[in-house]
């Protein structure tokens, strides 16, 4: 619903990208005589493969307003609707004054071969964004951990250049003693200076301390945010996400085709300002339940808050978004309209289920396994046709479904989603903003760094579109 200035897929040069309007871009991977939904033929090119992540970058137009947007789905005859609300705050977070301390904890184990130099370049650019009165430390870990900078250094050009030169001369190797790296990184913290720990790894803690509870106990001793960047798909995501939750930081998975330098720069920009803490949502006027994620946590400058939920009834309602900035309480309100019927976006049902399952899995990863929670995941996955750690998709011929008396509920859902996509493609992009008449935010949205409001690997909608590919790759164990 908002103008996009630029859109690119740097790792897929064969992609055909075209802008149909300031708010709509179309990307296709095509070969031979393939055509788009409008029937137009795309240029021939080499066939593309699906064994690599598709990484998408986009940049919103500068000066866009802070806003609250909502997309809904409520089929005819249903009492319950589904919504996705997106909160894009105005840029009213105050800048952090004075010097900050940055501790980089970097993995240089053997699995970082081929990635380490990209990591060093990312650190160089990230350090280059620091203020002159900032300080930094760099800790490397493989089998053991070592402080490369021997304590804090001021973020001067000379110190940054010397540190990068030393990092560049080091060769990755060995195992992954993640605990040793973090334990050393959290030493020598200065209580009088704002501090942040940035962890970059691609593996699993396989030597030294490896129990999750030990990591969580380490972080609970320190009131310092941890920001985890995971390169590749082999890392222990439950452990890393659990640690960032405890520290009120954030976790980001970085594809091997992603831009680690850009990600570290984005982080430096986000941490130049205060953050919203202890965010809470309250709805009034219409019954709203089943919100996910259940715990909203913190929101940093330039980030959006995306919440899924269900509503009953219809009509006008209101949402209040409250939180804290430092010791100050803040609150933003917006009128919302929940329609009695809305059938343009049926994918929202599966997006809600996917986000809810992910939230339930995080709870079990943090609190421990629970049979009731596992059963809730199974029930949701079966109802909405999703593959999880506890469910699989069995691919059989049509006549086998008939012989076994299996209802084709998922086939009907997929057909409904495909029809809705075709209808949306034939009409103009809609404006989903809810607070146009009474804006919730007085300032325009943040445009940090080079202006990139968005970017990253495929979000929830892309995951839903790729589900048929995921089903055939997983071993089938249940219908």
Protein backbone atom coordinates (compact mmCIF):
# COMPACT_ATOMS: atom_id res chain seq x y z
CA UNK A 1 0.00 0.00 0.00
CA UNK A 2 3.03 2.33 0.06
CA UNK A 3 5.44 3.45 -2.69
CA UNK A 4 8.58 1.36 -3.13
CA UNK A 5 11.55 3.16 -4.66
CA UNK A 6 13.76 0.16 -5.32
CA UNK A 7 13.45 -3.63 -5.43
CA UNK A 8 16.25 -6.11 -6.11
CA UNK A 9 17.38 -9.72 -5.87
CA UNK A 10 21.19 -9.46 -6.18
CA UNK A 11 21.79 -13.23 -5.90
CA UNK A 12 19.33 -14.06 -8.71
CA UNK A 13 20.50 -12.13 -11.79
CA UNK A 14 18.18 -14.24 -13.98
CA UNK A 15 15.11 -12.84 -12.24
CA UNK A 16 12.91 -10.60 -14.35
CA UNK A 17 11.86 -7.57 -12.29
CA UNK A 18 9.39 -4.95 -13.43
CA UNK A 19 7.41 -2.21 -11.73
CA UNK A 20 3.76 -1.98 -12.73
CA UNK A 21 3.20 1.08 -10.51
CA UNK A 22 4.90 2.92 -7.66
CA UNK A 23 3.25 0.46 -5.24
CA UNK A 24 3.50 -2.76 -7.21
CA UNK A 25 6.50 -4.76 -8.42
CA UNK A 26 6.49 -8.11 -10.15
CA UNK A 27 9.34 -10.62 -10.08
CA UNK A 28 9.47 -13.82 -12.12
CA UNK A 29 11.92 -16.67 -12.48
CA UNK A 30 11.24 -17.89 -15.98
CA UNK A 31 12.87 -19.97 -18.68
CA UNK A 32 11.92 -20.87 -22.22
CA UNK A 33 8.44 -19.67 -23.12
CA UNK A 34 7.11 -19.13 -19.59
CA UNK A 35 4.50 -16.42 -19.16
CA UNK A 36 3.28 -14.30 -16.27
CA UNK A 37 -0.23 -14.13 -14.86
CA UNK A 38 -1.06 -11.40 -17.39
CA UNK A 39 -0.13 -13.75 -20.25
CA UNK A 40 2.95 -11.76 -21.28
CA UNK A 41 6.01 -13.84 -22.15
CA UNK A 42 9.18 -13.34 -20.15
CA UNK A 43 12.58 -13.37 -21.77
CA UNK A 44 14.34 -16.71 -22.06
CA UNK A 45 17.13 -17.49 -19.66
CA UNK A 46 18.84 -20.29 -17.73
CA UNK A 47 16.66 -22.42 -15.53
CA UNK A 48 16.75 -21.48 -11.88
CA UNK A 49 17.22 -23.86 -8.95
CA UNK A 50 15.30 -24.10 -5.70
CA UNK A 51 18.21 -25.25 -3.51
CA UNK A 52 19.20 -21.70 -2.54
CA UNK A 53 17.39 -19.08 -0.48
CA UNK A 54 15.61 -16.31 -2.35
CA UNK A 55 16.75 -13.05 -0.74
CA UNK A 56 14.72 -9.94 -1.50
CA UNK A 57 15.63 -6.32 -0.78
CA UNK A 58 13.37 -3.32 -1.11
CA UNK A 59 13.43 0.34 -0.14
CA UNK A 60 10.36 2.35 0.73
CA UNK A 61 9.98 5.91 -0.44
CA UNK A 62 11.40 8.41 2.06
CA UNK A 63 9.06 10.54 4.18
CA UNK A 64 6.19 8.05 4.45
CA UNK A 65 3.94 8.49 7.51
CA UNK A 66 3.92 6.29 10.56
CA UNK A 67 0.78 4.19 10.28
CA UNK A 68 -1.41 1.34 11.46
CA UNK A 69 -2.56 -0.97 8.68
CA UNK A 70 -4.87 -3.99 8.83
CA UNK A 71 -5.81 -6.71 6.34
CA UNK A 72 -8.78 -8.97 7.10
CA UNK A 73 -10.44 -12.19 5.96
CA UNK A 74 -13.95 -13.24 6.95
CA UNK A 75 -15.81 -15.62 4.61
CA UNK A 76 -19.55 -15.43 4.11
CA UNK A 77 -21.52 -17.19 6.84
CA UNK A 78 -18.61 -17.25 9.31
CA UNK A 79 -18.80 -15.65 12.76
CA UNK A 80 -15.01 -15.51 13.04
CA UNK A 81 -12.63 -13.41 10.99
CA UNK A 82 -8.83 -13.28 10.79
CA UNK A 83 -6.71 -10.13 10.67
CA UNK A 84 -3.09 -9.06 10.25
CA UNK A 85 -2.25 -5.70 11.79
CA UNK A 86 0.98 -3.92 10.90
CA UNK A 87 2.20 -1.08 13.11
CA UNK A 88 4.85 1.19 11.58
CA UNK A 89 5.77 3.70 14.30
CA UNK A 90 6.61 7.31 13.63
CA UNK A 91 10.20 8.28 14.23
CA UNK A 92 9.75 9.70 17.73
CA UNK A 93 12.34 7.61 19.56
CA UNK A 94 15.03 9.86 21.10
CA UNK A 95 18.65 9.40 20.09
CA UNK A 96 21.00 7.85 22.63
CA UNK A 97 23.42 10.51 23.81
CA UNK A 98 27.00 9.82 24.84
CA UNK A 99 29.24 6.90 24.08
CA UNK A 100 28.09 3.29 23.76
CA UNK A 101 29.97 0.01 24.08
CA UNK A 102 29.76 -2.65 21.38
CA UNK A 103 30.97 -6.20 21.94
CA UNK A 104 31.27 -8.35 18.80
CA UNK A 105 31.35 -12.11 19.53
CA UNK A 106 32.32 -13.82 16.28
CA UNK A 107 32.43 -17.49 15.28
CA UNK A 108 35.58 -18.54 13.45
CA UNK A 109 35.16 -22.30 13.68
CA UNK A 110 35.79 -24.57 10.70
CA UNK A 111 32.22 -24.26 9.43
CA UNK A 112 32.85 -20.56 8.77
CA UNK A 113 35.18 -21.40 5.88
CA UNK A 114 33.90 -19.45 2.89
CA UNK A 115 31.88 -17.07 5.11
CA UNK A 116 34.51 -15.63 7.41
CA UNK A 117 35.87 -12.95 5.08
CA UNK A 118 32.33 -11.75 4.36
CA UNK A 119 31.86 -11.54 8.13
CA UNK A 120 35.05 -9.49 8.52
CA UNK A 121 33.86 -7.08 5.83
CA UNK A 122 30.54 -6.76 7.59
CA UNK A 123 32.26 -5.96 10.88
CA UNK A 124 34.43 -3.36 9.12
CA UNK A 125 31.41 -1.56 7.74
CA UNK A 126 29.51 -1.92 11.01
CA UNK A 127 32.39 -0.41 13.00
CA UNK A 128 32.59 2.39 10.47
CA UNK A 129 29.06 3.47 11.47
CA UNK A 130 29.93 3.93 15.14
CA UNK A 131 30.28 7.35 16.74
CA UNK A 132 33.77 8.58 17.65
CA UNK A 133 32.90 8.39 21.36
CA UNK A 134 31.78 4.74 21.08
CA UNK A 135 34.01 1.87 22.18
CA UNK A 136 34.24 -1.67 20.83
CA UNK A 137 35.63 -5.10 21.70
CA UNK A 138 35.98 -8.12 19.40
CA UNK A 139 35.90 -11.67 20.78
CA UNK A 140 36.58 -14.68 18.53
CA UNK A 141 35.66 -18.23 19.44
CA UNK A 142 36.16 -21.74 18.09
CA UNK A 143 37.39 -24.43 20.53
CA UNK A 144 38.32 -21.56 22.84
CA UNK A 145 37.62 -17.82 23.03
CA UNK A 146 40.04 -14.91 22.80
CA UNK A 147 39.76 -11.15 23.07
CA UNK A 148 41.26 -9.85 19.82
CA UNK A 149 41.23 -6.21 20.92
CA UNK A 150 42.51 -6.86 24.47
CA UNK A 151 39.72 -4.81 25.98
CA UNK A 152 37.79 -1.82 24.68
CA UNK A 153 39.07 0.44 21.89
CA UNK A 154 37.71 3.81 20.91
CA UNK A 155 35.92 3.68 17.53
CA UNK A 156 38.55 5.73 15.69
CA UNK A 157 39.49 5.06 12.07
CA UNK A 158 42.95 3.95 13.16
CA UNK A 159 41.68 1.44 15.73
CA UNK A 160 39.06 0.07 13.36
CA UNK A 161 41.64 -0.39 10.57
CA UNK A 162 44.09 -2.16 12.90
CA UNK A 163 41.37 -4.50 14.21
CA UNK A 164 40.13 -5.40 10.73
CA UNK A 165 43.69 -6.07 9.55
CA UNK A 166 44.18 -8.51 12.42
CA UNK A 167 40.84 -10.23 11.83
CA UNK A 168 41.63 -10.60 8.14
CA UNK A 169 44.85 -12.49 8.88
CA UNK A 170 43.09 -15.17 10.95
CA UNK A 171 42.00 -18.46 9.38
CA UNK A 172 38.84 -20.24 10.60
CA UNK A 173 39.12 -23.74 12.04
CA UNK A 174 38.17 -25.97 14.94
CA UNK A 175 34.89 -26.62 16.76
CA UNK A 176 32.25 -24.26 18.20
CA UNK A 177 32.54 -23.35 21.89
CA UNK A 178 29.74 -20.83 21.87
CA UNK A 179 29.50 -20.55 25.65
CA UNK A 180 33.17 -19.61 25.96
CA UNK A 181 32.71 -16.83 23.41
CA UNK A 182 29.66 -15.37 25.14
CA UNK A 183 31.13 -15.71 28.62
CA UNK A 184 34.22 -13.77 27.56
CA UNK A 185 32.12 -11.22 25.69
CA UNK A 186 30.06 -10.44 28.80
CA UNK A 187 33.11 -9.74 30.93
CA UNK A 188 34.28 -6.19 31.71
CA UNK A 189 30.89 -4.58 31.10
CA UNK A 190 30.73 -0.93 32.15
CA UNK A 191 27.50 -0.25 34.05
CA UNK A 192 27.78 3.48 33.27
CA UNK A 193 27.64 3.03 29.48
CA UNK A 194 24.89 1.59 27.24
CA UNK A 195 26.16 -1.75 25.93
CA UNK A 196 25.14 -4.32 23.33
CA UNK A 197 26.53 -7.74 22.43
CA UNK A 198 26.42 -8.76 18.76
CA UNK A 199 26.81 -12.50 18.16
CA UNK A 200 27.45 -13.88 14.67
CA UNK A 201 27.62 -17.66 14.20
CA UNK A 202 26.63 -20.37 11.75
CA UNK A 203 26.83 -23.52 13.82
CA UNK A 204 25.77 -25.50 16.85
CA UNK A 205 27.48 -25.34 20.25
CA UNK A 206 29.32 -28.68 20.15
CA UNK A 207 32.17 -28.34 22.68
CA UNK A 208 32.36 -26.95 26.20
CA UNK A 209 29.10 -25.97 27.88
CA UNK A 210 26.17 -26.89 25.63
CA UNK A 211 23.09 -27.00 27.90
CA UNK A 212 20.51 -24.33 27.13
CA UNK A 213 19.81 -23.54 30.78
CA UNK A 214 23.47 -22.61 31.32
CA UNK A 215 23.32 -20.08 28.47
CA UNK A 216 20.10 -18.56 29.80
CA UNK A 217 21.53 -18.30 33.31
CA UNK A 218 24.58 -16.50 31.90
CA UNK A 219 22.42 -13.89 30.13
CA UNK A 220 20.08 -13.43 33.08
CA UNK A 221 23.06 -12.21 35.13
CA UNK A 222 23.53 -9.22 32.83
CA UNK A 223 21.09 -6.47 31.82
CA UNK A 224 22.63 -6.18 28.35
CA UNK A 225 20.87 -6.86 25.05
CA UNK A 226 22.08 -9.70 22.82
CA UNK A 227 21.63 -9.45 19.07
CA UNK A 228 22.12 -12.78 17.28
CA UNK A 229 22.89 -13.10 13.58
CA UNK A 230 22.85 -16.63 12.21
CA UNK A 231 24.60 -17.30 8.90
CA UNK A 232 23.13 -20.33 7.13
CA UNK A 233 20.60 -22.93 8.24
CA UNK A 234 22.54 -25.29 10.51
CA UNK A 235 22.60 -23.27 13.75
CA UNK A 236 20.77 -24.11 16.96
CA UNK A 237 17.89 -21.70 16.44
CA UNK A 238 15.98 -22.59 19.65
CA UNK A 239 19.04 -21.80 21.77
CA UNK A 240 19.87 -18.55 20.01
CA UNK A 241 16.27 -17.30 19.98
CA UNK A 242 15.86 -18.18 23.64
CA UNK A 243 18.93 -16.16 24.56
CA UNK A 244 17.83 -13.08 22.66
CA UNK A 245 14.39 -13.31 24.30
CA UNK A 246 15.94 -13.33 27.77
CA UNK A 247 18.09 -10.29 26.97
CA UNK A 248 15.34 -8.29 25.15
CA UNK A 249 17.44 -8.28 22.02
CA UNK A 250 16.56 -9.64 18.59
CA UNK A 251 17.44 -12.65 16.45
CA UNK A 252 17.98 -12.56 12.70
CA UNK A 253 18.65 -15.43 10.32
CA UNK A 254 20.97 -14.42 7.48
CA UNK A 255 20.99 -16.46 4.31
CA UNK A 256 24.38 -17.29 2.81
CA UNK A 257 23.24 -15.10 -0.07
CA UNK A 258 22.32 -12.21 2.22
CA UNK A 259 24.35 -9.09 2.95
CA UNK A 260 25.97 -9.48 6.38
CA UNK A 261 27.53 -6.01 6.08
CA UNK A 262 24.14 -4.42 5.49
CA UNK A 263 22.64 -6.32 8.42
CA UNK A 264 25.30 -5.13 10.85
CA UNK A 265 24.91 -1.57 9.58
CA UNK A 266 21.15 -1.81 10.15
CA UNK A 267 21.79 -2.96 13.70
CA UNK A 268 24.16 -0.07 14.42
CA UNK A 269 21.50 2.32 13.12
CA UNK A 270 18.74 0.75 15.23
CA UNK A 271 20.81 0.96 18.39
CA UNK A 272 21.54 4.65 17.89
CA UNK A 273 18.10 5.37 19.38
CA UNK A 274 16.01 4.27 22.34
CA UNK A 275 13.57 1.38 21.84
CA UNK A 276 9.95 0.68 22.78
CA UNK A 277 9.83 -1.76 25.71
CA UNK A 278 7.10 -3.94 27.22
CA UNK A 279 4.73 -3.41 24.31
CA UNK A 280 1.07 -4.26 24.95
CA UNK A 281 -2.06 -4.17 22.77
CA UNK A 282 -5.61 -3.56 24.01
CA UNK A 283 -8.64 -3.81 21.71
CA UNK A 284 -12.06 -2.31 22.35
CA UNK A 285 -15.41 -2.35 20.53
CA UNK A 286 -15.01 -5.76 18.85
CA UNK A 287 -14.09 -9.06 20.44
CA UNK A 288 -10.47 -9.91 19.57
CA UNK A 289 -8.65 -13.09 20.67
CA UNK A 290 -5.87 -15.52 19.67
CA UNK A 291 -3.24 -12.84 19.19
CA UNK A 292 0.15 -14.02 18.00
CA UNK A 293 2.89 -13.50 18.96
CA UNK A 294 1.66 -13.69 22.54
CA UNK A 295 4.71 -11.81 23.85
CA UNK A 296 5.50 -8.65 21.90
CA UNK A 297 8.68 -7.62 23.74
CA UNK A 298 10.66 -4.71 22.29
CA UNK A 299 10.50 -2.73 19.07
CA UNK A 300 13.53 -0.93 17.65
CA UNK A 301 13.80 2.10 15.42
CA UNK A 302 12.89 1.20 11.86
CA UNK A 303 11.12 -2.04 12.79
CA UNK A 304 7.47 -2.90 12.21
CA UNK A 305 5.20 -4.76 14.60
CA UNK A 306 3.11 -7.44 12.86
CA UNK A 307 0.34 -9.15 14.84
CA UNK A 308 -2.17 -11.80 13.73
CA UNK A 309 -5.45 -12.52 15.48
CA UNK A 310 -9.13 -13.49 15.26
CA UNK A 311 -12.20 -11.28 15.66
CA UNK A 312 -15.88 -11.97 16.22
CA UNK A 313 -18.66 -9.68 15.10
CA UNK A 314 -18.02 -6.62 12.99
CA UNK A 315 -18.06 -2.85 13.05
CA UNK A 316 -15.83 -0.14 14.46
CA UNK A 317 -13.30 -0.77 17.21
CA UNK A 318 -10.15 0.74 18.65
CA UNK A 319 -6.64 -0.43 19.46
CA UNK A 320 -4.32 1.09 22.05
CA UNK A 321 -0.59 0.38 21.74
CA UNK A 322 1.27 1.06 24.96
CA UNK A 323 4.85 0.65 26.07
CA UNK A 324 7.83 2.32 27.67
CA UNK A 325 10.70 4.36 26.30
CA UNK A 326 13.39 4.48 29.00
CA UNK A 327 11.39 5.43 32.12
CA UNK A 328 8.61 7.15 30.16
CA UNK A 329 5.26 5.52 29.35
CA UNK A 330 3.93 6.01 25.81
CA UNK A 331 0.57 5.23 24.23
CA UNK A 332 -0.84 5.38 20.70
CA UNK A 333 -4.47 4.85 19.63
CA UNK A 334 -6.21 4.15 16.37
CA UNK A 335 -9.74 3.45 15.19
CA UNK A 336 -10.16 0.09 13.42
CA UNK A 337 -12.89 -1.26 11.16
CA UNK A 338 -13.69 -4.99 11.22
CA UNK A 339 -15.81 -5.84 8.15
CA UNK A 340 -18.73 -8.32 8.28
CA UNK A 341 -17.41 -10.01 5.14
CA UNK A 342 -13.93 -9.95 3.58
CA UNK A 343 -12.78 -12.61 1.12
CA UNK A 344 -9.89 -10.97 -0.71
CA UNK A 345 -7.11 -12.48 1.45
CA UNK A 346 -7.87 -16.11 2.46
CA UNK A 347 -4.13 -16.74 2.99
CA UNK A 348 -4.45 -14.89 6.30
CA UNK A 349 -5.95 -18.00 7.91
CA UNK A 350 -2.84 -20.06 7.23
CA UNK A 351 -0.56 -17.15 8.07
CA UNK A 352 -2.24 -16.90 11.48
CA UNK A 353 -1.84 -20.66 11.99
CA UNK A 354 1.81 -20.60 10.86
CA UNK A 355 2.64 -17.69 13.20
CA UNK A 356 0.78 -19.34 16.09
CA UNK A 357 2.61 -22.63 15.62
CA UNK A 358 5.92 -20.80 15.51
CA UNK A 359 5.01 -18.99 18.74
CA UNK A 360 4.04 -22.26 20.45
CA UNK A 361 7.29 -23.88 19.37
CA UNK A 362 9.26 -20.99 20.83
CA UNK A 363 7.42 -21.42 24.13
CA UNK A 364 8.38 -25.09 24.29
CA UNK A 365 11.97 -24.31 23.31
CA UNK A 366 12.19 -21.84 26.17
CA UNK A 367 10.04 -23.50 28.86
CA UNK A 368 10.51 -27.16 27.94
CA UNK A 369 8.43 -29.76 26.15
CA UNK A 370 4.74 -29.89 26.96
CA UNK A 371 2.35 -32.54 25.59
CA UNK A 372 -0.64 -30.17 25.52
CA UNK A 373 1.29 -27.60 23.51
CA UNK A 374 2.53 -30.29 21.13
CA UNK A 375 -1.06 -31.47 20.59
CA UNK A 376 -2.15 -27.88 19.91
CA UNK A 377 0.54 -27.64 17.20
CA UNK A 378 -0.61 -30.91 15.64
CA UNK A 379 -4.27 -29.81 15.63
CA UNK A 380 -3.45 -26.50 13.97
CA UNK A 381 -1.18 -28.11 11.39
CA UNK A 382 -3.76 -30.69 10.41
CA UNK A 383 -6.57 -28.14 10.19
CA UNK A 384 -4.60 -25.67 8.06
CA UNK A 385 -2.45 -28.08 6.03
CA UNK A 386 0.97 -27.12 7.43
CA UNK A 387 4.14 -29.17 7.79
CA UNK A 388 5.70 -29.00 11.27
CA UNK A 389 8.11 -30.99 13.44
CA UNK A 390 5.11 -33.14 14.41
CA UNK A 391 3.22 -33.44 11.12
CA UNK A 392 4.14 -34.46 7.59
CA UNK A 393 2.45 -34.34 4.22
CA UNK A 394 1.77 -37.59 2.38
CA UNK A 395 1.54 -37.24 -1.40
CA UNK A 396 -0.71 -39.84 -3.03
CA UNK A 397 -2.83 -40.21 -6.17
CA UNK A 398 -6.37 -38.80 -6.18
CA UNK A 399 -8.01 -42.22 -6.15
CA UNK A 400 -6.16 -43.14 -2.93
CA UNK A 401 -7.81 -40.22 -1.16
CA UNK A 402 -11.17 -41.59 -2.27
CA UNK A 403 -10.33 -45.16 -1.21
CA UNK A 404 -9.23 -43.99 2.25
CA UNK A 405 -12.11 -41.55 2.65
CA UNK A 406 -9.80 -38.57 3.23
CA UNK A 407 -11.41 -35.16 2.75
CA UNK A 408 -9.50 -32.85 0.40
CA UNK A 409 -9.79 -29.83 2.69
CA UNK A 410 -6.33 -28.57 1.88
CA UNK A 411 -6.95 -28.81 -1.86
CA UNK A 412 -10.02 -26.61 -1.41
CA UNK A 413 -7.99 -24.12 0.64
CA UNK A 414 -5.24 -23.95 -1.97
CA UNK A 415 -7.80 -23.46 -4.74
CA UNK A 416 -9.42 -20.61 -2.78
CA UNK A 417 -6.05 -18.92 -2.23
CA UNK A 418 -5.10 -19.28 -5.90
CA UNK A 419 -8.40 -17.75 -7.01
CA UNK A 420 -7.95 -14.83 -4.60
CA UNK A 421 -4.45 -14.16 -5.97
CA UNK A 422 -5.81 -14.04 -9.50
CA UNK A 423 -8.54 -11.60 -8.45
CA UNK A 424 -6.06 -9.35 -6.65
CA UNK A 425 -3.76 -9.35 -9.67
CA UNK A 426 -6.60 -8.06 -11.83
CA UNK A 427 -7.42 -5.11 -9.56
CA UNK A 428 -5.57 -2.11 -8.19
CA UNK A 429 -3.57 -2.29 -4.96
CA UNK A 430 -5.74 -1.39 -1.98
CA UNK A 431 -4.97 0.99 0.84
CA UNK A 432 -5.17 -0.86 4.16
CA UNK A 433 -4.32 2.06 6.43
CA UNK A 434 -6.69 2.39 9.41
CA UNK A 435 -5.49 5.63 11.05
CA UNK A 436 -5.67 8.00 8.07
CA UNK A 437 -8.30 10.29 9.61
CA UNK A 438 -6.77 10.35 13.08
CA UNK A 439 -3.09 9.40 12.72
CA UNK A 440 -1.68 7.47 15.64
CA UNK A 441 1.81 8.91 15.03
CA UNK A 442 2.68 12.55 14.42
CA UNK A 443 6.13 11.94 12.88
CA UNK A 444 6.94 10.14 9.61
CA UNK A 445 8.29 6.60 9.85
CA UNK A 446 12.01 6.08 10.41
CA UNK A 447 14.23 5.79 7.37
CA UNK A 448 17.54 4.67 8.94
CA UNK A 449 20.82 4.03 7.20
CA UNK A 450 20.58 4.13 3.42
CA UNK A 451 16.81 4.40 3.56
CA UNK A 452 15.97 0.70 3.54
CA UNK A 453 12.75 0.17 5.44
CA UNK A 454 12.37 -3.39 4.27
CA UNK A 455 14.44 -6.29 3.15
CA UNK A 456 15.47 -9.78 3.97
CA UNK A 457 14.49 -13.28 3.02
CA UNK A 458 10.92 -14.25 2.22
CA UNK A 459 8.40 -13.37 4.92
CA UNK A 460 5.34 -15.37 6.04
CA UNK A 461 3.43 -14.84 2.78
CA UNK A 462 6.36 -16.16 0.76
CA UNK A 463 6.58 -19.18 3.05
CA UNK A 464 2.94 -20.03 2.39
CA UNK A 465 3.48 -19.81 -1.36
CA UNK A 466 6.46 -22.18 -1.11
CA UNK A 467 4.70 -24.82 1.01
CA UNK A 468 4.09 -27.26 -1.89
CA UNK A 469 7.87 -27.39 -2.42
CA UNK A 470 8.50 -28.04 1.27
CA UNK A 471 5.97 -30.88 1.40
CA UNK A 472 7.66 -33.00 -1.26
CA UNK A 473 11.10 -32.59 0.33
CA UNK A 474 10.02 -33.88 3.77
CA UNK A 475 9.72 -37.57 4.47
CA UNK A 476 6.05 -38.48 4.56
CA UNK A 477 4.70 -40.22 7.63
CA UNK A 478 1.02 -39.26 7.84
CA UNK A 479 -1.84 -38.37 5.52
